[in-house]
Amino acid sequence: MNADNFVLACPSSIERDVHGTATLVGNQCADCGETYFPGASGCTRCTGTNLNRFNFGRHGTLWTWTIQSFLPKTPYNSGETDASFKPYGVGYIEMPSGIKIESRLSVADADKLKIGMSMTMSLETYGKTPEGANLVTFVFSPAESDIEGG
């Protein structure tokens, strides 16, 4: 991916570690420990405002999933048309902290997804901006250990 020709769909929710690997970030309330993704400006649990950046990492477990089989409406539409749309997986990934994060999945084959399987996050191009730059978002894929034959 050309670093000069892509736009992150959610730049405040992704950061790279010292090795350049993308991870998901949000907040954690310093008063009660509640976590938020995407980040929040205040805690809905205790009404505190002392929130710290929290790194959720890039590994989790598939909690539930479905296949998006129709073209989503704006703002989620990435410029596809009815003719060019390809179904994709959507799921909730339970992270080690316990929070469940909704995510696009790299797999759209129901036979390759099962609740409870290990998942790993990466970045993927899913469309283009009007200016022609790649639109990039986070996606989760079955971890290598959960891929048949892997």
C-alpha atoms as a PDB file:
ATOM      1  CA  MET A   1       0.000   0.000   0.000  1.00  0.00           C
ATOM      2  CA  ASN A   2       1.472   3.333  -1.084  1.00  0.00           C
ATOM      3  CA  ALA A   3       1.730   5.484   2.055  1.00  0.00           C
ATOM      4  CA  ASP A   4       1.005   8.622   0.002  1.00  0.00           C
ATOM      5  CA  ASN A   5      -2.111   7.344  -1.715  1.00  0.00           C
ATOM      6  CA  PHE A   6      -4.465   6.029   0.962  1.00  0.00           C
ATOM      7  CA  VAL A   7      -6.917   7.423   3.484  1.00  0.00           C
ATOM      8  CA  LEU A   8      -7.744   5.637   6.741  1.00  0.00           C
ATOM      9  CA  ALA A   9     -11.499   5.440   7.234  1.00  0.00           C
ATOM     10  CA  CYS A  10     -11.037   5.714  11.024  1.00  0.00           C
ATOM     11  CA  PRO A  11      -7.610   7.299  11.705  1.00  0.00           C
ATOM     12  CA  SER A  12      -8.206   7.964  15.420  1.00  0.00           C
ATOM     13  CA  SER A  13      -8.927   4.256  16.022  1.00  0.00           C
ATOM     14  CA  ILE A  14      -5.758   2.811  14.472  1.00  0.00           C
ATOM     15  CA  GLU A  15      -2.139   3.219  15.458  1.00  0.00           C
ATOM     16  CA  ARG A  16       1.033   1.415  14.533  1.00  0.00           C
ATOM     17  CA  ASP A  17       3.335  -0.186  17.081  1.00  0.00           C
ATOM     18  CA  VAL A  18       7.144   0.061  17.020  1.00  0.00           C
ATOM     19  CA  HIS A  19       7.253  -2.680  14.365  1.00  0.00           C
ATOM     20  CA  GLY A  20       4.741  -0.900  12.097  1.00  0.00           C
ATOM     21  CA  THR A  21       1.922  -3.338  12.886  1.00  0.00           C
ATOM     22  CA  ALA A  22      -1.541  -1.759  13.018  1.00  0.00           C
ATOM     23  CA  THR A  23      -3.490  -2.082  16.281  1.00  0.00           C
ATOM     24  CA  LEU A  24      -6.881  -0.784  17.429  1.00  0.00           C
ATOM     25  CA  VAL A  25      -7.055   1.982  20.024  1.00  0.00           C
ATOM     26  CA  GLY A  26      -9.805   3.635  22.020  1.00  0.00           C
ATOM     27  CA  ASN A  27     -10.159   4.846  25.616  1.00  0.00           C
ATOM     28  CA  GLN A  28     -10.359   3.471  29.117  1.00  0.00           C
ATOM     29  CA  CYS A  29     -11.893   5.385  32.012  1.00  0.00           C
ATOM     30  CA  ALA A  30      -9.250   5.973  34.678  1.00  0.00           C
ATOM     31  CA  ASP A  31     -11.956   6.068  37.371  1.00  0.00           C
ATOM     32  CA  CYS A  32     -13.958   2.878  36.711  1.00  0.00           C
ATOM     33  CA  GLY A  33     -12.048   0.963  34.005  1.00  0.00           C
ATOM     34  CA  GLU A  34     -14.797   0.989  31.338  1.00  0.00           C
ATOM     35  CA  THR A  35     -13.367   0.774  27.800  1.00  0.00           C
ATOM     36  CA  TYR A  36     -14.617   2.486  24.633  1.00  0.00           C
ATOM     37  CA  PHE A  37     -14.170   1.833  20.938  1.00  0.00           C
ATOM     38  CA  PRO A  38     -14.092   4.114  19.163  1.00  0.00           C
ATOM     39  CA  GLY A  39     -12.732   6.498  21.756  1.00  0.00           C
ATOM     40  CA  ALA A  40     -15.136   8.603  23.820  1.00  0.00           C
ATOM     41  CA  SER A  41     -14.910  12.005  25.502  1.00  0.00           C
ATOM     42  CA  GLY A  42     -16.631  10.898  28.700  1.00  0.00           C
ATOM     43  CA  CYS A  43     -17.559   7.735  30.558  1.00  0.00           C
ATOM     44  CA  THR A  44     -21.182   6.624  30.294  1.00  0.00           C
ATOM     45  CA  ARG A  45     -20.719   4.219  33.201  1.00  0.00           C
ATOM     46  CA  CYS A  46     -19.513   6.605  35.930  1.00  0.00           C
ATOM     47  CA  THR A  47     -19.787   9.985  34.113  1.00  0.00           C
ATOM     48  CA  GLY A  48     -16.056  10.520  34.587  1.00  0.00           C
ATOM     49  CA  THR A  49     -14.040  12.560  32.126  1.00  0.00           C
ATOM     50  CA  ASN A  50     -10.594  11.147  32.930  1.00  0.00           C
ATOM     51  CA  LEU A  51     -10.149   8.797  29.968  1.00  0.00           C
ATOM     52  CA  ASN A  52      -6.800   7.451  28.819  1.00  0.00           C
ATOM     53  CA  ARG A  53      -5.818   6.022  25.454  1.00  0.00           C
ATOM     54  CA  PHE A  54      -6.206   2.227  25.476  1.00  0.00           C
ATOM     55  CA  ASN A  55      -4.633  -0.201  23.005  1.00  0.00           C
ATOM     56  CA  PHE A  56      -6.957  -3.132  22.251  1.00  0.00           C
ATOM     57  CA  GLY A  57      -4.338  -4.943  20.179  1.00  0.00           C
ATOM     58  CA  ARG A  58      -5.093  -6.887  17.004  1.00  0.00           C
ATOM     59  CA  HIS A  59      -6.216 -10.326  18.181  1.00  0.00           C
ATOM     60  CA  GLY A  60      -9.663 -11.399  19.338  1.00  0.00           C
ATOM     61  CA  THR A  61     -12.389 -14.024  19.070  1.00  0.00           C
ATOM     62  CA  LEU A  62     -15.307 -14.059  16.632  1.00  0.00           C
ATOM     63  CA  TRP A  63     -18.363 -13.434  18.826  1.00  0.00           C
ATOM     64  CA  THR A  64     -20.984 -13.366  16.046  1.00  0.00           C
ATOM     65  CA  TRP A  65     -21.092 -12.672  12.319  1.00  0.00           C
ATOM     66  CA  THR A  66     -23.205 -12.278   9.170  1.00  0.00           C
ATOM     67  CA  ILE A  67     -22.637 -11.776   5.463  1.00  0.00           C
ATOM     68  CA  GLN A  68     -23.441  -8.291   4.094  1.00  0.00           C
ATOM     69  CA  SER A  69     -25.117  -9.338   0.860  1.00  0.00           C
ATOM     70  CA  PHE A  70     -26.533  -6.005  -0.319  1.00  0.00           C
ATOM     71  CA  LEU A  71     -24.978  -2.640  -1.124  1.00  0.00           C
ATOM     72  CA  PRO A  72     -24.846  -0.513   2.062  1.00  0.00           C
ATOM     73  CA  LYS A  73     -26.141   3.028   2.051  1.00  0.00           C
ATOM     74  CA  THR A  74     -24.069   6.172   2.615  1.00  0.00           C
ATOM     75  CA  PRO A  75     -21.981   6.835   4.687  1.00  0.00           C
ATOM     76  CA  TYR A  76     -20.863   3.193   4.549  1.00  0.00           C
ATOM     77  CA  ASN A  77     -20.944   2.881   0.767  1.00  0.00           C
ATOM     78  CA  SER A  78     -17.386   2.914  -0.592  1.00  0.00           C
ATOM     79  CA  GLY A  79     -18.314   4.000  -4.100  1.00  0.00           C
ATOM     80  CA  GLU A  80     -19.486   0.613  -5.314  1.00  0.00           C
ATOM     81  CA  THR A  81     -22.505   0.173  -7.545  1.00  0.00           C
ATOM     82  CA  ASP A  82     -25.060  -2.621  -7.605  1.00  0.00           C
ATOM     83  CA  ALA A  83     -23.068  -4.127 -10.472  1.00  0.00           C
ATOM     84  CA  SER A  84     -19.658  -3.957  -8.737  1.00  0.00           C
ATOM     85  CA  PHE A  85     -20.715  -4.825  -5.162  1.00  0.00           C
ATOM     86  CA  LYS A  86     -19.272  -8.020  -3.689  1.00  0.00           C
ATOM     87  CA  PRO A  87     -20.676  -9.480  -0.438  1.00  0.00           C
ATOM     88  CA  TYR A  88     -18.418  -9.319   2.625  1.00  0.00           C
ATOM     89  CA  GLY A  89     -18.441 -10.599   6.170  1.00  0.00           C
ATOM     90  CA  VAL A  90     -19.310  -8.407   9.156  1.00  0.00           C
ATOM     91  CA  GLY A  91     -18.755  -9.529  12.713  1.00  0.00           C
ATOM     92  CA  TYR A  92     -18.287  -8.620  16.324  1.00  0.00           C
ATOM     93  CA  ILE A  93     -14.838  -9.469  17.624  1.00  0.00           C
ATOM     94  CA  GLU A  94     -14.442  -9.927  21.365  1.00  0.00           C
ATOM     95  CA  MET A  95     -11.088  -8.461  22.358  1.00  0.00           C
ATOM     96  CA  PRO A  96      -9.035  -9.708  25.352  1.00  0.00           C
ATOM     97  CA  SER A  97     -10.288  -6.706  27.379  1.00  0.00           C
ATOM     98  CA  GLY A  98     -13.868  -7.981  26.898  1.00  0.00           C
ATOM     99  CA  ILE A  99     -15.078  -5.221  24.586  1.00  0.00           C
ATOM    100  CA  LYS A 100     -16.791  -6.316  21.370  1.00  0.00           C
ATOM    101  CA  ILE A 101     -15.754  -4.413  18.245  1.00  0.00           C
ATOM    102  CA  GLU A 102     -17.837  -4.438  15.071  1.00  0.00           C
ATOM    103  CA  SER A 103     -15.651  -5.062  12.047  1.00  0.00           C
ATOM    104  CA  ARG A 104     -15.602  -5.927   8.427  1.00  0.00           C
ATOM    105  CA  LEU A 105     -14.292  -9.482   7.922  1.00  0.00           C
ATOM    106  CA  SER A 106     -11.893 -10.546   5.178  1.00  0.00           C
ATOM    107  CA  VAL A 107     -13.934 -13.721   4.668  1.00  0.00           C
ATOM    108  CA  ALA A 108     -17.366 -13.801   3.018  1.00  0.00           C
ATOM    109  CA  ASP A 109     -17.727 -17.595   2.972  1.00  0.00           C
ATOM    110  CA  ALA A 110     -20.032 -18.913   5.716  1.00  0.00           C
ATOM    111  CA  ASP A 111     -18.219 -22.276   5.667  1.00  0.00           C
ATOM    112  CA  LYS A 112     -15.002 -20.552   6.797  1.00  0.00           C
ATOM    113  CA  LEU A 113     -16.465 -18.664   9.780  1.00  0.00           C
ATOM    114  CA  LYS A 114     -17.425 -20.067  13.163  1.00  0.00           C
ATOM    115  CA  ILE A 115     -18.289 -18.403  16.435  1.00  0.00           C
ATOM    116  CA  GLY A 116     -15.397 -18.669  18.877  1.00  0.00           C
ATOM    117  CA  MET A 117     -12.623 -18.816  16.277  1.00  0.00           C
ATOM    118  CA  SER A 118      -9.454 -16.758  16.752  1.00  0.00           C
ATOM    119  CA  MET A 119      -9.239 -13.632  14.600  1.00  0.00           C
ATOM    120  CA  THR A 120      -6.414 -11.251  13.667  1.00  0.00           C
ATOM    121  CA  MET A 121      -6.788  -7.622  12.558  1.00  0.00           C
ATOM    122  CA  SER A 122      -5.109  -6.088   9.518  1.00  0.00           C
ATOM    123  CA  LEU A 123      -5.708  -3.175   7.167  1.00  0.00           C
ATOM    124  CA  GLU A 124      -7.479  -3.590   3.833  1.00  0.00           C
ATOM    125  CA  THR A 125      -8.475  -1.356   0.942  1.00  0.00           C
ATOM    126  CA  TYR A 126     -12.245  -1.379   0.462  1.00  0.00           C
ATOM    127  CA  GLY A 127     -12.859   1.472  -1.964  1.00  0.00           C
ATOM    128  CA  LYS A 128     -11.642   4.786  -3.390  1.00  0.00           C
ATOM    129  CA  THR A 129     -12.112   8.404  -2.396  1.00  0.00           C
ATOM    130  CA  PRO A 130     -13.546  10.800  -5.012  1.00  0.00           C
ATOM    131  CA  GLU A 131      -9.926  11.958  -5.503  1.00  0.00           C
ATOM    132  CA  GLY A 132      -8.798   8.409  -6.309  1.00  0.00           C
ATOM    133  CA  ALA A 133      -6.957   7.536  -3.088  1.00  0.00           C
ATOM    134  CA  ASN A 134      -7.473   4.077  -1.597  1.00  0.00           C
ATOM    135  CA  LEU A 135      -9.943   3.946   1.316  1.00  0.00           C
ATOM    136  CA  VAL A 136      -8.455   1.694   3.995  1.00  0.00           C
ATOM    137  CA  THR A 137     -10.131   0.216   7.063  1.00  0.00           C
ATOM    138  CA  PHE A 138      -9.422  -2.464   9.619  1.00  0.00           C
ATOM    139  CA  VAL A 139     -10.665  -5.992   8.970  1.00  0.00           C
ATOM    140  CA  PHE A 140     -10.443  -9.205  10.942  1.00  0.00           C
ATOM    141  CA  SER A 141      -9.421 -12.523   9.393  1.00  0.00           C
ATOM    142  CA  PRO A 142      -9.382 -16.039  10.795  1.00  0.00           C
ATOM    143  CA  ALA A 143      -6.072 -16.518  12.623  1.00  0.00           C
ATOM    144  CA  GLU A 144      -3.668 -18.879  10.861  1.00  0.00           C
ATOM    145  CA  SER A 145      -4.301 -21.550  13.501  1.00  0.00           C
ATOM    146  CA  ASP A 146      -8.045 -21.556  12.666  1.00  0.00           C
ATOM    147  CA  ILE A 147      -7.716 -21.803   8.876  1.00  0.00           C
ATOM    148  CA  GLU A 148      -8.360 -25.310   7.593  1.00  0.00           C
ATOM    149  CA  GLY A 149      -5.073 -26.814   6.486  1.00  0.00           C
ATOM    150  CA  GLY A 150      -3.153 -23.890   8.075  1.00  0.00           C
END
